[in-house]
Amino acid sequence: MSYKISSEEELVGVAKNLLNYFSDKKIILFYGEMGAGKTTLIKLLCKQLGVEESTNSPTFSIVNEYLSISQKSIYHFDFYRIEKEEEVFDMGYEDYFYSGNFCFIEWPEKIPNLLPEEVVKVSIELDDDYNRLISVV
């Protein structure tokens, strides 16, 4: 599945479609260069899931927890600053990944050996006209 997006309004529709596509998969990996729109898409996904609080990238805290209106936890990870996978051990990543709750993970390539097998991969690229090219596997 792939999308070519030229506006944030279109991205809202993509977020709705993606949640339907994810179905029972809860670990969603987001690949893309800095500024490609990973955090923007995650914010829209959280909004679709009923998160009313402000969402932002957990670049320094590594993980943010948001609550949906149904009081379900949603975890947003940003592993950009991770140098070695071992740094993630102390944060209890397994408790999050195997919680059954949504885990939106930016920069998963920093922790390839720690990721569960059942994941959805979302790749975001910018083309020469600054359209977002989103592909989902």
C-alpha atoms as a PDB file:
ATOM      1  CA  MET A   1       0.000   0.000   0.000  1.00  0.00           C
ATOM      2  CA  SER A   2       1.361   3.434  -0.872  1.00  0.00           C
ATOM      3  CA  TYR A   3       0.242   7.052  -0.862  1.00  0.00           C
ATOM      4  CA  LYS A   4       1.438  10.300  -2.379  1.00  0.00           C
ATOM      5  CA  ILE A   5       0.491  13.163  -0.074  1.00  0.00           C
ATOM      6  CA  SER A   6       0.750  16.873  -0.873  1.00  0.00           C
ATOM      7  CA  SER A   7      -1.090  18.350   2.141  1.00  0.00           C
ATOM      8  CA  GLU A   8      -1.718  17.700   5.807  1.00  0.00           C
ATOM      9  CA  GLU A   9      -5.445  17.407   5.064  1.00  0.00           C
ATOM     10  CA  GLU A  10      -4.695  14.394   2.865  1.00  0.00           C
ATOM     11  CA  LEU A  11      -2.532  12.986   5.636  1.00  0.00           C
ATOM     12  CA  VAL A  12      -5.576  12.897   7.963  1.00  0.00           C
ATOM     13  CA  GLY A  13      -7.298  10.520   5.537  1.00  0.00           C
ATOM     14  CA  VAL A  14      -4.173   8.386   5.319  1.00  0.00           C
ATOM     15  CA  ALA A  15      -4.046   8.139   9.124  1.00  0.00           C
ATOM     16  CA  LYS A  16      -7.616   6.800   9.160  1.00  0.00           C
ATOM     17  CA  ASN A  17      -6.812   4.268   6.431  1.00  0.00           C
ATOM     18  CA  LEU A  18      -3.649   3.131   8.171  1.00  0.00           C
ATOM     19  CA  LEU A  19      -5.435   2.406  11.439  1.00  0.00           C
ATOM     20  CA  ASN A  20      -7.824   0.152   9.542  1.00  0.00           C
ATOM     21  CA  TYR A  21      -4.883  -1.521   7.815  1.00  0.00           C
ATOM     22  CA  PHE A  22      -2.982  -2.087  11.082  1.00  0.00           C
ATOM     23  CA  SER A  23      -5.899  -4.174  12.328  1.00  0.00           C
ATOM     24  CA  ASP A  24      -4.458  -6.362  15.103  1.00  0.00           C
ATOM     25  CA  LYS A  25      -0.834  -5.266  14.618  1.00  0.00           C
ATOM     26  CA  LYS A  26       0.211  -2.878  17.384  1.00  0.00           C
ATOM     27  CA  ILE A  27       3.925  -2.325  16.737  1.00  0.00           C
ATOM     28  CA  ILE A  28       4.307   0.259  13.986  1.00  0.00           C
ATOM     29  CA  LEU A  29       7.787   1.182  12.753  1.00  0.00           C
ATOM     30  CA  PHE A  30       8.350   4.533  11.055  1.00  0.00           C
ATOM     31  CA  TYR A  31      11.288   4.926   8.686  1.00  0.00           C
ATOM     32  CA  GLY A  32      12.343   8.176   7.067  1.00  0.00           C
ATOM     33  CA  GLU A  33      14.902  10.931   7.137  1.00  0.00           C
ATOM     34  CA  MET A  34      14.774  13.775   9.635  1.00  0.00           C
ATOM     35  CA  GLY A  35      11.902  16.068   8.663  1.00  0.00           C
ATOM     36  CA  ALA A  36      10.106  13.526   6.460  1.00  0.00           C
ATOM     37  CA  GLY A  37       6.960  13.675   8.601  1.00  0.00           C
ATOM     38  CA  LYS A  38       7.150  10.673  10.916  1.00  0.00           C
ATOM     39  CA  THR A  39       6.098  12.642  14.002  1.00  0.00           C
ATOM     40  CA  THR A  40       3.360  14.483  12.105  1.00  0.00           C
ATOM     41  CA  LEU A  41       1.822  11.197  10.985  1.00  0.00           C
ATOM     42  CA  ILE A  42       2.079   9.742  14.497  1.00  0.00           C
ATOM     43  CA  LYS A  43       0.312  12.824  15.911  1.00  0.00           C
ATOM     44  CA  LEU A  44      -2.538  12.284  13.459  1.00  0.00           C
ATOM     45  CA  LEU A  45      -2.725   8.574  14.292  1.00  0.00           C
ATOM     46  CA  CYS A  46      -2.922   9.427  17.997  1.00  0.00           C
ATOM     47  CA  LYS A  47      -5.671  11.939  17.322  1.00  0.00           C
ATOM     48  CA  GLN A  48      -7.623   9.279  15.387  1.00  0.00           C
ATOM     49  CA  LEU A  49      -7.200   6.956  18.375  1.00  0.00           C
ATOM     50  CA  GLY A  50      -8.779   9.551  20.663  1.00  0.00           C
ATOM     51  CA  VAL A  51      -5.731  11.163  22.249  1.00  0.00           C
ATOM     52  CA  GLU A  52      -6.744  14.650  23.324  1.00  0.00           C
ATOM     53  CA  GLU A  53      -3.503  15.750  24.968  1.00  0.00           C
ATOM     54  CA  SER A  54      -0.634  17.357  23.099  1.00  0.00           C
ATOM     55  CA  THR A  55       1.636  14.874  21.326  1.00  0.00           C
ATOM     56  CA  ASN A  56       5.250  15.522  20.402  1.00  0.00           C
ATOM     57  CA  SER A  57       8.376  13.603  19.575  1.00  0.00           C
ATOM     58  CA  PRO A  58      10.064  12.030  22.611  1.00  0.00           C
ATOM     59  CA  THR A  59      13.547  12.800  21.288  1.00  0.00           C
ATOM     60  CA  PHE A  60      15.024  13.337  24.746  1.00  0.00           C
ATOM     61  CA  SER A  61      12.743  11.190  26.902  1.00  0.00           C
ATOM     62  CA  ILE A  62      12.839   8.327  24.319  1.00  0.00           C
ATOM     63  CA  VAL A  63       9.221   7.338  25.064  1.00  0.00           C
ATOM     64  CA  ASN A  64       6.009   9.292  25.619  1.00  0.00           C
ATOM     65  CA  GLU A  65       2.804   7.729  26.856  1.00  0.00           C
ATOM     66  CA  TYR A  66      -0.525   9.111  25.729  1.00  0.00           C
ATOM     67  CA  LEU A  67      -3.977   8.074  26.897  1.00  0.00           C
ATOM     68  CA  SER A  68      -6.871   7.697  24.508  1.00  0.00           C
ATOM     69  CA  ILE A  69     -10.348   8.798  25.577  1.00  0.00           C
ATOM     70  CA  SER A  70     -10.994   5.133  26.398  1.00  0.00           C
ATOM     71  CA  GLN A  71      -7.981   5.275  28.766  1.00  0.00           C
ATOM     72  CA  LYS A  72      -5.838   2.949  26.635  1.00  0.00           C
ATOM     73  CA  SER A  73      -2.118   3.719  26.623  1.00  0.00           C
ATOM     74  CA  ILE A  74      -0.375   4.543  23.370  1.00  0.00           C
ATOM     75  CA  TYR A  75       3.433   4.604  23.355  1.00  0.00           C
ATOM     76  CA  HIS A  76       5.512   6.830  21.085  1.00  0.00           C
ATOM     77  CA  PHE A  77       9.223   6.057  20.870  1.00  0.00           C
ATOM     78  CA  ASP A  78      12.033   8.042  19.284  1.00  0.00           C
ATOM     79  CA  PHE A  79      15.295   6.079  19.226  1.00  0.00           C
ATOM     80  CA  TYR A  80      17.242   8.720  17.255  1.00  0.00           C
ATOM     81  CA  ARG A  81      19.678   9.409  20.113  1.00  0.00           C
ATOM     82  CA  ILE A  82      20.375   5.723  20.862  1.00  0.00           C
ATOM     83  CA  GLU A  83      23.983   4.780  20.139  1.00  0.00           C
ATOM     84  CA  LYS A  84      23.782   1.091  21.159  1.00  0.00           C
ATOM     85  CA  GLU A  85      20.844  -1.256  21.583  1.00  0.00           C
ATOM     86  CA  GLU A  86      21.969  -1.978  25.149  1.00  0.00           C
ATOM     87  CA  GLU A  87      20.874   1.539  26.130  1.00  0.00           C
ATOM     88  CA  VAL A  88      17.253   0.441  25.661  1.00  0.00           C
ATOM     89  CA  PHE A  89      17.464  -2.501  28.082  1.00  0.00           C
ATOM     90  CA  ASP A  90      17.158  -0.345  31.223  1.00  0.00           C
ATOM     91  CA  MET A  91      13.960   1.329  30.066  1.00  0.00           C
ATOM     92  CA  GLY A  92      12.054  -1.963  30.060  1.00  0.00           C
ATOM     93  CA  TYR A  93      11.261  -1.841  26.347  1.00  0.00           C
ATOM     94  CA  GLU A  94       9.749  -5.348  26.445  1.00  0.00           C
ATOM     95  CA  ASP A  95       7.006  -4.187  28.814  1.00  0.00           C
ATOM     96  CA  TYR A  96       5.966  -1.620  26.219  1.00  0.00           C
ATOM     97  CA  PHE A  97       6.410  -3.735  23.076  1.00  0.00           C
ATOM     98  CA  TYR A  98       4.474  -6.706  24.461  1.00  0.00           C
ATOM     99  CA  SER A  99       1.786  -4.711  26.289  1.00  0.00           C
ATOM    100  CA  GLY A 100      -0.802  -5.161  23.548  1.00  0.00           C
ATOM    101  CA  ASN A 101      -1.008  -1.384  23.176  1.00  0.00           C
ATOM    102  CA  PHE A 102      -0.023   0.643  20.145  1.00  0.00           C
ATOM    103  CA  CYS A 103       3.708   1.368  19.982  1.00  0.00           C
ATOM    104  CA  PHE A 104       4.687   3.940  17.363  1.00  0.00           C
ATOM    105  CA  ILE A 105       8.453   3.728  16.881  1.00  0.00           C
ATOM    106  CA  GLU A 106      10.596   6.334  15.141  1.00  0.00           C
ATOM    107  CA  TRP A 107      14.155   5.336  14.132  1.00  0.00           C
ATOM    108  CA  PRO A 108      13.628   1.569  14.599  1.00  0.00           C
ATOM    109  CA  GLU A 109      16.790   0.933  12.607  1.00  0.00           C
ATOM    110  CA  LYS A 110      18.683   1.857  15.810  1.00  0.00           C
ATOM    111  CA  ILE A 111      17.329  -1.256  17.607  1.00  0.00           C
ATOM    112  CA  PRO A 112      16.904  -3.935  14.903  1.00  0.00           C
ATOM    113  CA  ASN A 113      17.560  -6.909  17.192  1.00  0.00           C
ATOM    114  CA  LEU A 114      15.029  -5.834  19.821  1.00  0.00           C
ATOM    115  CA  LEU A 115      11.983  -5.474  17.587  1.00  0.00           C
ATOM    116  CA  PRO A 116       9.164  -8.017  17.737  1.00  0.00           C
ATOM    117  CA  GLU A 117       8.464 -10.112  14.658  1.00  0.00           C
ATOM    118  CA  GLU A 118       4.884  -8.919  14.126  1.00  0.00           C
ATOM    119  CA  VAL A 119       5.245  -5.310  12.995  1.00  0.00           C
ATOM    120  CA  VAL A 120       3.999  -2.926  10.338  1.00  0.00           C
ATOM    121  CA  LYS A 121       6.645  -0.873   8.544  1.00  0.00           C
ATOM    122  CA  VAL A 122       5.787   2.633   7.382  1.00  0.00           C
ATOM    123  CA  SER A 123       8.319   4.413   5.183  1.00  0.00           C
ATOM    124  CA  ILE A 124       8.048   8.153   4.516  1.00  0.00           C
ATOM    125  CA  GLU A 125      10.088   9.961   1.878  1.00  0.00           C
ATOM    126  CA  LEU A 126       9.929  13.433   0.392  1.00  0.00           C
ATOM    127  CA  ASP A 127      10.058  13.787  -3.384  1.00  0.00           C
ATOM    128  CA  ASP A 128      11.531  16.756  -5.267  1.00  0.00           C
ATOM    129  CA  ASP A 129       8.211  18.629  -5.004  1.00  0.00           C
ATOM    130  CA  TYR A 130       8.014  18.044  -1.211  1.00  0.00           C
ATOM    131  CA  ASN A 131       5.205  15.526  -1.524  1.00  0.00           C
ATOM    132  CA  ARG A 132       5.283  12.798   1.082  1.00  0.00           C
ATOM    133  CA  LEU A 133       5.570   9.306  -0.347  1.00  0.00           C
ATOM    134  CA  ILE A 134       4.254   6.854   2.219  1.00  0.00           C
ATOM    135  CA  SER A 135       4.579   3.107   1.767  1.00  0.00           C
ATOM    136  CA  VAL A 136       3.334   0.478   4.190  1.00  0.00           C
ATOM    137  CA  VAL A 137       4.484  -3.132   4.481  1.00  0.00           C
END
